[in-house]
Amino acid sequence: MNRTSRMLISAFALVASTSALAAKLTPQECHDYPFVPLKGEVTHAQLMQELEELESVGYNPSAGDDADYPSDIDTAEQRLHAKYETDCHPADHVAANNAAAN
């Protein structure tokens, strides 16, 4: 593969990952599993939604490298929680940023 092709592929991957991270949680997602404890059992659809959310912040379950498990999913969960805080509690996020700046 030549250098130009590698650069284009890298640029595309960067844009795709940035787009995935830029996607905001909807109000419905903010008030649903995995962000809100459930009163009943978790459904298959909810588990698939959680996996999609984890993948949107960089988790790759098919990477096949068990040496990184569970740190890779822990990192993705931390990123997902930060996304939740930013999207679902924007006033708290702004206040925290202002406090950190002072």
Protein backbone atom coordinates (compact mmCIF):
# COMPACT_ATOMS: atom_id res chain seq x y z
CA MET A 1 0.00 0.00 0.00
CA ASN A 2 1.48 3.33 -0.94
CA ARG A 3 1.85 6.29 1.37
CA THR A 4 -1.05 8.29 -0.11
CA SER A 5 -3.46 5.39 0.34
CA ARG A 6 -2.41 4.94 3.95
CA MET A 7 -2.88 8.65 4.61
CA LEU A 8 -6.36 8.61 3.07
CA ILE A 9 -7.36 5.55 5.07
CA SER A 10 -6.03 7.14 8.26
CA ALA A 11 -7.89 10.37 7.55
CA PHE A 12 -11.11 8.48 6.89
CA ALA A 13 -10.73 6.51 10.12
CA LEU A 14 -10.14 9.73 12.06
CA VAL A 15 -13.25 11.37 10.59
CA ALA A 16 -15.34 8.26 11.26
CA SER A 17 -14.20 7.99 14.88
CA THR A 18 -14.71 11.71 15.47
CA SER A 19 -18.22 11.47 14.04
CA ALA A 20 -19.03 8.57 16.33
CA LEU A 21 -17.78 10.46 19.38
CA ALA A 22 -19.64 13.60 18.35
CA ALA A 23 -23.01 11.84 18.29
CA LYS A 24 -25.07 13.10 21.19
CA LEU A 25 -27.23 10.96 23.40
CA THR A 26 -30.93 11.58 22.97
CA PRO A 27 -33.13 12.44 25.98
CA GLN A 28 -34.64 8.95 25.73
CA GLU A 29 -31.18 7.37 25.85
CA CYS A 30 -30.31 9.52 28.87
CA HIS A 31 -33.23 8.03 30.79
CA ASP A 32 -32.71 4.41 29.75
CA TYR A 33 -30.33 1.54 30.44
CA PRO A 34 -27.31 1.54 30.93
CA PHE A 35 -27.46 5.00 32.50
CA VAL A 36 -30.48 4.40 34.75
CA PRO A 37 -30.83 1.32 36.97
CA LEU A 38 -33.67 -0.90 35.87
CA LYS A 39 -36.45 -2.25 38.03
CA GLY A 40 -36.73 -5.46 35.98
CA GLU A 41 -34.49 -7.68 33.92
CA VAL A 42 -32.27 -6.29 31.18
CA THR A 43 -33.58 -7.20 27.73
CA HIS A 44 -31.52 -8.35 24.79
CA ALA A 45 -32.36 -5.10 22.97
CA GLN A 46 -31.03 -3.10 25.94
CA LEU A 47 -27.80 -5.11 25.99
CA MET A 48 -27.35 -4.52 22.27
CA GLN A 49 -27.94 -0.78 22.82
CA GLU A 50 -25.29 -0.77 25.55
CA LEU A 51 -22.83 -2.52 23.25
CA GLU A 52 -23.52 0.05 20.51
CA GLU A 53 -22.94 2.87 23.01
CA LEU A 54 -19.65 1.29 24.14
CA GLU A 55 -18.55 0.85 20.53
CA SER A 56 -19.37 4.52 19.84
CA VAL A 57 -16.65 5.50 22.33
CA GLY A 58 -14.02 3.12 21.03
CA TYR A 59 -14.70 -0.34 22.47
CA ASN A 60 -14.03 -3.15 19.99
CA PRO A 61 -15.30 -6.51 21.27
CA SER A 62 -13.92 -8.36 18.27
CA ALA A 63 -10.35 -7.14 18.73
CA GLY A 64 -9.51 -10.63 19.98
CA ASP A 65 -6.80 -9.49 22.40
CA ASP A 66 -7.81 -10.83 25.79
CA ALA A 67 -4.66 -9.31 27.29
CA ASP A 68 -6.40 -5.91 27.28
CA TYR A 69 -9.63 -7.16 28.85
CA PRO A 70 -11.05 -5.78 31.17
CA SER A 71 -9.07 -2.53 30.88
CA ASP A 72 -10.37 -1.86 27.37
CA ILE A 73 -14.01 -2.15 28.39
CA ASP A 74 -13.36 -0.19 31.60
CA THR A 75 -11.89 2.63 29.51
CA ALA A 76 -14.89 2.56 27.17
CA GLU A 77 -17.28 2.63 30.15
CA GLN A 78 -15.47 5.68 31.56
CA ARG A 79 -15.70 7.43 28.18
CA LEU A 80 -19.38 6.51 27.92
CA HIS A 81 -20.03 7.87 31.41
CA ALA A 82 -18.29 11.13 30.47
CA LYS A 83 -20.44 11.31 27.32
CA TYR A 84 -23.52 10.73 29.48
CA GLU A 85 -22.51 13.52 31.87
CA THR A 86 -21.86 15.93 29.00
CA ASP A 87 -25.03 15.13 27.04
CA CYS A 88 -27.49 14.42 29.85
CA HIS A 89 -26.35 16.88 32.51
CA PRO A 90 -24.93 19.83 30.54
CA ALA A 91 -25.44 22.36 33.36
CA ASP A 92 -23.44 20.16 35.76
CA HIS A 93 -20.72 19.72 33.13
CA VAL A 94 -20.44 23.49 32.54
CA ALA A 95 -20.32 24.16 36.30
CA ALA A 96 -17.57 21.55 36.76
CA ASN A 97 -15.53 23.04 33.92
CA ASN A 98 -15.94 26.54 35.38
CA ALA A 99 -14.88 25.33 38.84
CA ALA A 100 -11.83 23.61 37.37
CA ALA A 101 -10.85 26.76 35.48
CA ASN A 102 -10.90 28.89 38.68
